[in-house]
Amino acid sequence: MMTKKRKIKVAVIDMNNGVPNLGMRGILAILKQYQEEKGLDLSTAVFDLRKKNEVPDTSYDIYISSGGPGSPFEGEGLEWENNFFQLLDDLDDFNCKDKGGKKYVFLICHSFQMACRKYGLGKITQRKSTAFGIFPISMTEEGSQDPVFKGLPNPFYAVDSRDWQVISGDEDDFENNSSAVAAIEKYRPHVDLERCIMSIHFSKEVMGTQFHPEADPTGMKMYLLQEDKKKVIIQEHGEDKYLDMLRSLDDPNRISLTQKLILPNFLDEAIQQLTEV
């Protein structure tokens, strides 16, 4: 399936606003490993959209937009956000035209929340407390049939780190946008709060996740073992949460599996379609 030598161009959009993070490292590492394993002619370009207002054009085949800190509303009216939304419009327009090819987009955390705002899907609210940890995530019926989640158990585990959430998905809004919820927050019978949306297929070519499928177990463990980070996490979330995260990082059936499957599955689907054109 992957032997045809078609050059694949990937644009990675950095939404971290200059804040050091593990997410970009994880995305780039997955792309590098994927390229080597598949023997592809794959090139990657990084665009610092939020900090430097760098925006890719529509010449790329695949776009991966990262998570980032802060509110998904803080860019309202700013040039960088307008450019991001215009890019999504341009890619949607391209995909609606019969040009013999498509553009594929994966949106993570902050980018996912912004896309929900743009497309009018769900309600974006600030959480009562920060979600931080490795949690089970449940696929919907649609998600269980989604090839991007192929090979994962239901529920599966992923890194969740956010102060905001997308809730209250209106079925009519999703149907009108040809979108579908693919995953939702873990079931918490002791908490009287709505389960938030964790993944949406905005279209056949555009997908987003609230969680971090790029999270690298090795990098996260190095991060958690830093004394200053350990102290802050225990102060804010408790020692039990800290120790549970360390145990989860060592479990091959938790985020290691999620990292190995979700983005590579997405790339498989996109590149298969691109090479068949």
C-alpha atoms as a PDB file:
ATOM      1  CA  MET A   1       0.000   0.000   0.000  1.00  0.00           C
ATOM      2  CA  MET A   2       2.830   2.412   0.850  1.00  0.00           C
ATOM      3  CA  THR A   3       5.357   1.471  -1.856  1.00  0.00           C
ATOM      4  CA  LYS A   4       4.345   4.076  -4.454  1.00  0.00           C
ATOM      5  CA  LYS A   5       6.862   6.940  -4.306  1.00  0.00           C
ATOM      6  CA  ARG A   6       4.614   9.987  -4.287  1.00  0.00           C
ATOM      7  CA  LYS A   7       6.081  12.967  -2.458  1.00  0.00           C
ATOM      8  CA  ILE A   8       3.979  13.751   0.624  1.00  0.00           C
ATOM      9  CA  LYS A   9       4.133  17.244   2.124  1.00  0.00           C
ATOM     10  CA  VAL A  10       3.119  17.682   5.788  1.00  0.00           C
ATOM     11  CA  ALA A  11       2.545  21.050   7.472  1.00  0.00           C
ATOM     12  CA  VAL A  12       2.822  21.022  11.276  1.00  0.00           C
ATOM     13  CA  ILE A  13       1.167  24.051  12.875  1.00  0.00           C
ATOM     14  CA  ASP A  14       2.605  25.061  16.245  1.00  0.00           C
ATOM     15  CA  MET A  15      -0.090  26.544  18.512  1.00  0.00           C
ATOM     16  CA  ASN A  16       2.046  26.748  21.658  1.00  0.00           C
ATOM     17  CA  ASN A  17       2.617  30.515  21.538  1.00  0.00           C
ATOM     18  CA  GLY A  18       6.305  30.143  22.303  1.00  0.00           C
ATOM     19  CA  VAL A  19       5.724  28.041  25.451  1.00  0.00           C
ATOM     20  CA  PRO A  20       8.074  25.008  25.701  1.00  0.00           C
ATOM     21  CA  ASN A  21       6.143  21.748  25.452  1.00  0.00           C
ATOM     22  CA  LEU A  22       6.344  18.037  24.679  1.00  0.00           C
ATOM     23  CA  GLY A  23       3.579  18.027  22.072  1.00  0.00           C
ATOM     24  CA  MET A  24       5.577  19.336  19.119  1.00  0.00           C
ATOM     25  CA  ARG A  25       8.399  16.925  19.958  1.00  0.00           C
ATOM     26  CA  GLY A  26       5.891  14.073  19.921  1.00  0.00           C
ATOM     27  CA  ILE A  27       4.314  15.050  16.590  1.00  0.00           C
ATOM     28  CA  LEU A  28       7.651  15.439  14.823  1.00  0.00           C
ATOM     29  CA  ALA A  29       8.980  12.172  16.292  1.00  0.00           C
ATOM     30  CA  ILE A  30       5.936  10.248  15.019  1.00  0.00           C
ATOM     31  CA  LEU A  31       6.325  11.754  11.536  1.00  0.00           C
ATOM     32  CA  LYS A  32      10.030  10.900  11.429  1.00  0.00           C
ATOM     33  CA  GLN A  33       9.481   7.327  12.557  1.00  0.00           C
ATOM     34  CA  TYR A  34       6.550   6.907  10.187  1.00  0.00           C
ATOM     35  CA  GLN A  35       8.619   8.146   7.244  1.00  0.00           C
ATOM     36  CA  GLU A  36      11.449   5.739   8.048  1.00  0.00           C
ATOM     37  CA  GLU A  37       9.208   2.722   8.628  1.00  0.00           C
ATOM     38  CA  LYS A  38       7.162   3.259   5.445  1.00  0.00           C
ATOM     39  CA  GLY A  39      10.071   4.343   3.263  1.00  0.00           C
ATOM     40  CA  LEU A  40       8.172   7.413   2.100  1.00  0.00           C
ATOM     41  CA  ASP A  41       9.307  10.570   0.366  1.00  0.00           C
ATOM     42  CA  LEU A  42       7.769  12.695   3.114  1.00  0.00           C
ATOM     43  CA  SER A  43       8.759  16.274   3.947  1.00  0.00           C
ATOM     44  CA  THR A  44       7.737  18.239   7.039  1.00  0.00           C
ATOM     45  CA  ALA A  45       7.527  22.011   7.544  1.00  0.00           C
ATOM     46  CA  VAL A  46       6.726  23.701  10.889  1.00  0.00           C
ATOM     47  CA  PHE A  47       4.689  26.918  11.118  1.00  0.00           C
ATOM     48  CA  ASP A  48       4.625  28.950  14.348  1.00  0.00           C
ATOM     49  CA  LEU A  49       1.142  30.355  13.842  1.00  0.00           C
ATOM     50  CA  ARG A  50       0.225  31.748  17.244  1.00  0.00           C
ATOM     51  CA  LYS A  51       3.541  33.395  18.106  1.00  0.00           C
ATOM     52  CA  LYS A  52       4.862  34.425  14.677  1.00  0.00           C
ATOM     53  CA  ASN A  53       1.693  34.334  12.548  1.00  0.00           C
ATOM     54  CA  GLU A  54       3.302  31.819  10.200  1.00  0.00           C
ATOM     55  CA  VAL A  55       0.602  30.077   8.188  1.00  0.00           C
ATOM     56  CA  PRO A  56       0.993  27.329   5.560  1.00  0.00           C
ATOM     57  CA  ASP A  57      -0.548  27.661   2.120  1.00  0.00           C
ATOM     58  CA  THR A  58      -2.730  24.985   0.545  1.00  0.00           C
ATOM     59  CA  SER A  59       0.103  23.194  -1.266  1.00  0.00           C
ATOM     60  CA  TYR A  60       0.543  20.640   1.549  1.00  0.00           C
ATOM     61  CA  ASP A  61      -1.150  17.247   1.561  1.00  0.00           C
ATOM     62  CA  ILE A  62      -1.524  16.791   5.326  1.00  0.00           C
ATOM     63  CA  TYR A  63      -1.869  19.344   8.145  1.00  0.00           C
ATOM     64  CA  ILE A  64      -1.357  18.566  11.841  1.00  0.00           C
ATOM     65  CA  SER A  65      -2.166  21.407  14.253  1.00  0.00           C
ATOM     66  CA  SER A  66      -0.927  21.125  17.832  1.00  0.00           C
ATOM     67  CA  GLY A  67      -2.343  21.833  21.250  1.00  0.00           C
ATOM     68  CA  GLY A  68      -1.358  24.906  23.207  1.00  0.00           C
ATOM     69  CA  PRO A  69      -1.862  26.867  26.422  1.00  0.00           C
ATOM     70  CA  GLY A  70      -4.624  29.260  27.408  1.00  0.00           C
ATOM     71  CA  SER A  71      -8.173  29.948  26.352  1.00  0.00           C
ATOM     72  CA  PRO A  72      -9.467  28.934  22.908  1.00  0.00           C
ATOM     73  CA  PHE A  73     -11.123  32.389  22.821  1.00  0.00           C
ATOM     74  CA  GLU A  74      -8.037  34.532  23.360  1.00  0.00           C
ATOM     75  CA  GLY A  75      -7.315  34.813  19.643  1.00  0.00           C
ATOM     76  CA  GLU A  76     -10.723  36.266  18.745  1.00  0.00           C
ATOM     77  CA  GLY A  77     -10.310  39.052  16.211  1.00  0.00           C
ATOM     78  CA  LEU A  78      -6.534  38.640  16.009  1.00  0.00           C
ATOM     79  CA  GLU A  79      -4.769  38.167  12.701  1.00  0.00           C
ATOM     80  CA  TRP A  80      -3.297  34.770  13.540  1.00  0.00           C
ATOM     81  CA  GLU A  81      -6.694  33.300  14.400  1.00  0.00           C
ATOM     82  CA  ASN A  82      -8.286  34.788  11.294  1.00  0.00           C
ATOM     83  CA  ASN A  83      -5.496  33.236   9.240  1.00  0.00           C
ATOM     84  CA  PHE A  84      -6.032  29.842  10.886  1.00  0.00           C
ATOM     85  CA  PHE A  85      -9.764  29.902  10.226  1.00  0.00           C
ATOM     86  CA  GLN A  86      -9.166  31.087   6.652  1.00  0.00           C
ATOM     87  CA  LEU A  87      -6.813  28.152   6.137  1.00  0.00           C
ATOM     88  CA  LEU A  88      -9.505  25.739   7.318  1.00  0.00           C
ATOM     89  CA  ASP A  89     -11.983  27.413   4.943  1.00  0.00           C
ATOM     90  CA  ASP A  90      -9.524  27.137   2.061  1.00  0.00           C
ATOM     91  CA  LEU A  91      -8.903  23.448   2.771  1.00  0.00           C
ATOM     92  CA  ASP A  92     -12.653  22.782   3.042  1.00  0.00           C
ATOM     93  CA  ASP A  93     -13.188  24.566  -0.293  1.00  0.00           C
ATOM     94  CA  PHE A  94     -10.427  22.499  -1.878  1.00  0.00           C
ATOM     95  CA  ASN A  95     -11.978  19.270  -0.583  1.00  0.00           C
ATOM     96  CA  CYS A  96     -15.404  20.235  -1.913  1.00  0.00           C
ATOM     97  CA  LYS A  97     -14.054  20.617  -5.438  1.00  0.00           C
ATOM     98  CA  ASP A  98     -13.429  17.569  -7.604  1.00  0.00           C
ATOM     99  CA  LYS A  99      -9.711  18.046  -8.171  1.00  0.00           C
ATOM    100  CA  GLY A 100      -8.744  14.402  -7.948  1.00  0.00           C
ATOM    101  CA  GLY A 101      -7.257  14.756  -4.475  1.00  0.00           C
ATOM    102  CA  LYS A 102      -7.979  15.910  -0.945  1.00  0.00           C
ATOM    103  CA  LYS A 103      -6.293  17.727   1.940  1.00  0.00           C
ATOM    104  CA  TYR A 104      -6.187  15.938   5.316  1.00  0.00           C
ATOM    105  CA  VAL A 105      -6.189  17.709   8.684  1.00  0.00           C
ATOM    106  CA  PHE A 106      -5.651  16.539  12.274  1.00  0.00           C
ATOM    107  CA  LEU A 107      -6.399  19.030  15.081  1.00  0.00           C
ATOM    108  CA  ILE A 108      -5.154  18.499  18.661  1.00  0.00           C
ATOM    109  CA  CYS A 109      -6.487  19.983  21.940  1.00  0.00           C
ATOM    110  CA  HIS A 110      -6.321  23.799  21.562  1.00  0.00           C
ATOM    111  CA  SER A 111      -6.681  23.510  17.780  1.00  0.00           C
ATOM    112  CA  PHE A 112      -9.618  21.124  18.288  1.00  0.00           C
ATOM    113  CA  GLN A 113     -11.399  23.588  20.589  1.00  0.00           C
ATOM    114  CA  MET A 114     -10.876  26.420  18.115  1.00  0.00           C
ATOM    115  CA  ALA A 115     -12.275  24.297  15.283  1.00  0.00           C
ATOM    116  CA  CYS A 116     -15.369  23.529  17.379  1.00  0.00           C
ATOM    117  CA  ARG A 117     -15.834  27.301  17.783  1.00  0.00           C
ATOM    118  CA  LYS A 118     -15.394  27.893  14.077  1.00  0.00           C
ATOM    119  CA  TYR A 119     -17.794  25.157  12.977  1.00  0.00           C
ATOM    120  CA  GLY A 120     -20.358  25.871  15.724  1.00  0.00           C
ATOM    121  CA  LEU A 121     -20.172  22.385  17.199  1.00  0.00           C
ATOM    122  CA  GLY A 122     -20.873  22.002  20.923  1.00  0.00           C
ATOM    123  CA  LYS A 123     -20.398  24.553  23.677  1.00  0.00           C
ATOM    124  CA  ILE A 124     -16.881  25.512  24.783  1.00  0.00           C
ATOM    125  CA  THR A 125     -16.686  26.119  28.532  1.00  0.00           C
ATOM    126  CA  GLN A 126     -14.013  26.480  31.191  1.00  0.00           C
ATOM    127  CA  ARG A 127     -13.708  23.468  33.462  1.00  0.00           C
ATOM    128  CA  LYS A 128     -14.261  23.678  37.207  1.00  0.00           C
ATOM    129  CA  SER A 129     -10.764  22.246  37.650  1.00  0.00           C
ATOM    130  CA  THR A 130      -7.872  21.409  35.355  1.00  0.00           C
ATOM    131  CA  ALA A 131      -7.967  17.984  33.716  1.00  0.00           C
ATOM    132  CA  PHE A 132      -4.481  16.560  33.937  1.00  0.00           C
ATOM    133  CA  GLY A 133      -3.508  12.933  33.730  1.00  0.00           C
ATOM    134  CA  ILE A 134      -3.865   9.709  31.771  1.00  0.00           C
ATOM    135  CA  PHE A 135      -7.535   8.801  31.492  1.00  0.00           C
ATOM    136  CA  PRO A 136      -9.761   6.233  29.782  1.00  0.00           C
ATOM    137  CA  ILE A 137     -11.633   7.600  26.752  1.00  0.00           C
ATOM    138  CA  SER A 138     -14.717   5.954  25.281  1.00  0.00           C
ATOM    139  CA  MET A 139     -15.368   5.587  21.566  1.00  0.00           C
ATOM    140  CA  THR A 140     -18.862   6.262  20.293  1.00  0.00           C
ATOM    141  CA  GLU A 141     -20.516   3.843  17.879  1.00  0.00           C
ATOM    142  CA  GLU A 142     -19.135   5.947  15.006  1.00  0.00           C
ATOM    143  CA  GLY A 143     -15.684   6.023  16.610  1.00  0.00           C
ATOM    144  CA  SER A 144     -15.569   2.251  17.015  1.00  0.00           C
ATOM    145  CA  GLN A 145     -15.885   1.964  13.219  1.00  0.00           C
ATOM    146  CA  ASP A 146     -13.334   4.696  12.529  1.00  0.00           C
ATOM    147  CA  PRO A 147     -10.082   3.379  10.985  1.00  0.00           C
ATOM    148  CA  VAL A 148      -8.128   6.049  12.911  1.00  0.00           C
ATOM    149  CA  PHE A 149      -8.969   4.149  16.130  1.00  0.00           C
ATOM    150  CA  LYS A 150      -8.234   0.733  14.640  1.00  0.00           C
ATOM    151  CA  GLY A 151      -6.372  -1.548  17.055  1.00  0.00           C
ATOM    152  CA  LEU A 152      -7.376   0.320  20.213  1.00  0.00           C
ATOM    153  CA  PRO A 153      -9.539  -1.146  22.988  1.00  0.00           C
ATOM    154  CA  ASN A 154     -12.712   0.634  24.021  1.00  0.00           C
ATOM    155  CA  PRO A 155     -12.104   2.497  26.219  1.00  0.00           C
ATOM    156  CA  PHE A 156      -8.498   3.401  25.408  1.00  0.00           C
ATOM    157  CA  TYR A 157      -6.092   5.600  27.400  1.00  0.00           C
ATOM    158  CA  ALA A 158      -4.656   8.991  26.472  1.00  0.00           C
ATOM    159  CA  VAL A 159      -3.029  12.062  27.997  1.00  0.00           C
ATOM    160  CA  ASP A 160      -5.544  14.771  28.858  1.00  0.00           C
ATOM    161  CA  SER A 161      -4.329  18.248  29.854  1.00  0.00           C
ATOM    162  CA  ARG A 162      -6.788  21.159  29.630  1.00  0.00           C
ATOM    163  CA  ASP A 163      -8.704  23.903  31.384  1.00  0.00           C
ATOM    164  CA  TRP A 164     -11.423  24.077  28.717  1.00  0.00           C
ATOM    165  CA  GLN A 165     -13.831  21.540  27.243  1.00  0.00           C
ATOM    166  CA  VAL A 166     -16.399  21.009  24.498  1.00  0.00           C
ATOM    167  CA  ILE A 167     -19.811  19.820  25.716  1.00  0.00           C
ATOM    168  CA  SER A 168     -23.482  19.753  24.666  1.00  0.00           C
ATOM    169  CA  GLY A 169     -23.173  18.495  21.141  1.00  0.00           C
ATOM    170  CA  ASP A 170     -26.385  19.242  19.193  1.00  0.00           C
ATOM    171  CA  GLU A 171     -27.136  16.378  16.809  1.00  0.00           C
ATOM    172  CA  ASP A 172     -28.624  18.719  14.203  1.00  0.00           C
ATOM    173  CA  ASP A 173     -25.464  20.845  14.179  1.00  0.00           C
ATOM    174  CA  PHE A 174     -23.365  17.752  13.556  1.00  0.00           C
ATOM    175  CA  GLU A 175     -25.655  16.448  10.818  1.00  0.00           C
ATOM    176  CA  ASN A 176     -25.754  19.838   9.091  1.00  0.00           C
ATOM    177  CA  ASN A 177     -21.942  19.924   9.110  1.00  0.00           C
ATOM    178  CA  SER A 178     -21.578  16.254   8.056  1.00  0.00           C
ATOM    179  CA  SER A 179     -19.650  15.784  11.330  1.00  0.00           C
ATOM    180  CA  ALA A 180     -19.712  13.030  13.942  1.00  0.00           C
ATOM    181  CA  VAL A 181     -18.558  12.599  17.541  1.00  0.00           C
ATOM    182  CA  ALA A 182     -15.965   9.820  17.615  1.00  0.00           C
ATOM    183  CA  ALA A 183     -15.075   9.727  21.345  1.00  0.00           C
ATOM    184  CA  ILE A 184     -16.288  11.109  24.672  1.00  0.00           C
ATOM    185  CA  GLU A 185     -14.958  11.568  28.201  1.00  0.00           C
ATOM    186  CA  LYS A 186     -14.724   8.673  30.617  1.00  0.00           C
ATOM    187  CA  TYR A 187     -17.885   7.645  32.461  1.00  0.00           C
ATOM    188  CA  ARG A 188     -17.925   9.123  35.971  1.00  0.00           C
ATOM    189  CA  PRO A 189     -21.087   7.961  37.798  1.00  0.00           C
ATOM    190  CA  HIS A 190     -20.084   9.831  40.971  1.00  0.00           C
ATOM    191  CA  VAL A 191     -19.767  13.197  39.165  1.00  0.00           C
ATOM    192  CA  ASP A 192     -22.926  15.090  38.206  1.00  0.00           C
ATOM    193  CA  LEU A 193     -21.347  16.739  35.155  1.00  0.00           C
ATOM    194  CA  GLU A 194     -21.818  16.216  31.437  1.00  0.00           C
ATOM    195  CA  ARG A 195     -19.214  14.074  29.694  1.00  0.00           C
ATOM    196  CA  CYS A 196     -17.251  16.260  27.309  1.00  0.00           C
ATOM    197  CA  ILE A 197     -16.518  15.512  23.658  1.00  0.00           C
ATOM    198  CA  MET A 198     -13.045  14.039  23.141  1.00  0.00           C
ATOM    199  CA  SER A 199     -12.925  13.568  19.359  1.00  0.00           C
ATOM    200  CA  ILE A 200     -14.840  14.731  16.292  1.00  0.00           C
ATOM    201  CA  HIS A 201     -14.646  13.859  12.625  1.00  0.00           C
ATOM    202  CA  PHE A 202     -15.460  17.323  11.259  1.00  0.00           C
ATOM    203  CA  SER A 203     -15.533  15.810   7.776  1.00  0.00           C
ATOM    204  CA  LYS A 204     -14.112  12.744   6.040  1.00  0.00           C
ATOM    205  CA  GLU A 205     -10.777  14.541   5.735  1.00  0.00           C
ATOM    206  CA  VAL A 206     -10.689  16.631   8.938  1.00  0.00           C
ATOM    207  CA  MET A 207     -10.445  15.073  12.400  1.00  0.00           C
ATOM    208  CA  GLY A 208      -9.704  16.457  15.859  1.00  0.00           C
ATOM    209  CA  THR A 209      -9.049  15.183  19.376  1.00  0.00           C
ATOM    210  CA  GLN A 210      -9.289  16.917  22.739  1.00  0.00           C
ATOM    211  CA  PHE A 211      -6.674  14.518  24.098  1.00  0.00           C
ATOM    212  CA  HIS A 212      -3.029  14.222  23.026  1.00  0.00           C
ATOM    213  CA  PRO A 213      -2.442  11.212  20.726  1.00  0.00           C
ATOM    214  CA  GLU A 214       1.141  12.385  20.148  1.00  0.00           C
ATOM    215  CA  ALA A 215       2.110  12.062  23.836  1.00  0.00           C
ATOM    216  CA  ASP A 216       5.446  10.284  24.122  1.00  0.00           C
ATOM    217  CA  PRO A 217       5.724   7.995  27.194  1.00  0.00           C
ATOM    218  CA  THR A 218       9.499   8.373  27.434  1.00  0.00           C
ATOM    219  CA  GLY A 219       9.448  12.141  27.142  1.00  0.00           C
ATOM    220  CA  MET A 220       6.559  12.435  29.588  1.00  0.00           C
ATOM    221  CA  LYS A 221       8.330  10.270  32.136  1.00  0.00           C
ATOM    222  CA  MET A 222      11.464  12.418  31.911  1.00  0.00           C
ATOM    223  CA  TYR A 223       9.246  15.474  32.389  1.00  0.00           C
ATOM    224  CA  LEU A 224       7.401  14.040  35.403  1.00  0.00           C
ATOM    225  CA  LEU A 225      10.609  12.944  37.112  1.00  0.00           C
ATOM    226  CA  GLN A 226      12.014  16.485  37.132  1.00  0.00           C
ATOM    227  CA  GLU A 227      11.913  17.556  40.772  1.00  0.00           C
ATOM    228  CA  ASP A 228      10.287  20.939  40.137  1.00  0.00           C
ATOM    229  CA  LYS A 229       7.577  19.404  37.904  1.00  0.00           C
ATOM    230  CA  LYS A 230       6.961  16.598  40.414  1.00  0.00           C
ATOM    231  CA  LYS A 231       6.467  19.128  43.213  1.00  0.00           C
ATOM    232  CA  VAL A 232       3.977  21.222  41.239  1.00  0.00           C
ATOM    233  CA  ILE A 233       1.954  18.198  40.081  1.00  0.00           C
ATOM    234  CA  ILE A 234       1.701  16.765  43.600  1.00  0.00           C
ATOM    235  CA  GLN A 235       0.692  20.155  44.989  1.00  0.00           C
ATOM    236  CA  GLU A 236      -2.014  20.670  42.366  1.00  0.00           C
ATOM    237  CA  HIS A 237      -3.264  17.120  41.774  1.00  0.00           C
ATOM    238  CA  GLY A 238      -2.041  14.970  44.665  1.00  0.00           C
ATOM    239  CA  GLU A 239       0.550  12.236  45.041  1.00  0.00           C
ATOM    240  CA  ASP A 240      -1.859   9.460  44.059  1.00  0.00           C
ATOM    241  CA  LYS A 241      -2.471  11.104  40.646  1.00  0.00           C
ATOM    242  CA  TYR A 242       1.270  11.571  40.185  1.00  0.00           C
ATOM    243  CA  LEU A 243       2.077   7.928  40.953  1.00  0.00           C
ATOM    244  CA  ASP A 244      -0.821   6.704  38.794  1.00  0.00           C
ATOM    245  CA  MET A 245       0.573   8.658  35.838  1.00  0.00           C
ATOM    246  CA  LEU A 246       3.996   7.073  36.286  1.00  0.00           C
ATOM    247  CA  ARG A 247       2.423   3.596  36.384  1.00  0.00           C
ATOM    248  CA  SER A 248       0.374   4.362  33.268  1.00  0.00           C
ATOM    249  CA  LEU A 249       3.477   5.452  31.371  1.00  0.00           C
ATOM    250  CA  ASP A 250       5.012   2.023  31.980  1.00  0.00           C
ATOM    251  CA  ASP A 251       1.899   0.170  30.780  1.00  0.00           C
ATOM    252  CA  PRO A 252       2.289  -0.831  27.084  1.00  0.00           C
ATOM    253  CA  ASN A 253      -1.499  -0.990  26.710  1.00  0.00           C
ATOM    254  CA  ARG A 254      -2.085   2.632  27.680  1.00  0.00           C
ATOM    255  CA  ILE A 255      -0.588   5.734  26.066  1.00  0.00           C
ATOM    256  CA  SER A 256       2.188   3.771  24.371  1.00  0.00           C
ATOM    257  CA  LEU A 257      -0.499   2.014  22.339  1.00  0.00           C
ATOM    258  CA  THR A 258      -2.388   5.247  21.664  1.00  0.00           C
ATOM    259  CA  GLN A 259       0.784   6.952  20.446  1.00  0.00           C
ATOM    260  CA  LYS A 260       1.635   4.030  18.157  1.00  0.00           C
ATOM    261  CA  LEU A 261      -1.793   3.877  16.546  1.00  0.00           C
ATOM    262  CA  ILE A 262      -3.862   7.071  16.252  1.00  0.00           C
ATOM    263  CA  LEU A 263      -1.667   9.465  14.271  1.00  0.00           C
ATOM    264  CA  PRO A 264      -0.054   6.638  12.237  1.00  0.00           C
ATOM    265  CA  ASN A 265      -3.546   5.293  11.425  1.00  0.00           C
ATOM    266  CA  PHE A 266      -4.593   8.797  10.337  1.00  0.00           C
ATOM    267  CA  LEU A 267      -1.497   9.060   8.152  1.00  0.00           C
ATOM    268  CA  ASP A 268      -2.183   5.602   6.684  1.00  0.00           C
ATOM    269  CA  GLU A 269      -5.710   6.610   5.680  1.00  0.00           C
ATOM    270  CA  ALA A 270      -4.645   9.958   4.237  1.00  0.00           C
ATOM    271  CA  ILE A 271      -1.643   8.630   2.312  1.00  0.00           C
ATOM    272  CA  GLN A 272      -3.555   5.657   0.955  1.00  0.00           C
ATOM    273  CA  GLN A 273      -6.092   8.058  -0.569  1.00  0.00           C
ATOM    274  CA  LEU A 274      -3.359  10.378  -1.847  1.00  0.00           C
ATOM    275  CA  THR A 275      -1.366   7.593  -3.513  1.00  0.00           C
ATOM    276  CA  GLU A 276      -4.465   6.115  -5.156  1.00  0.00           C
ATOM    277  CA  VAL A 277      -5.263   9.377  -6.945  1.00  0.00           C
END
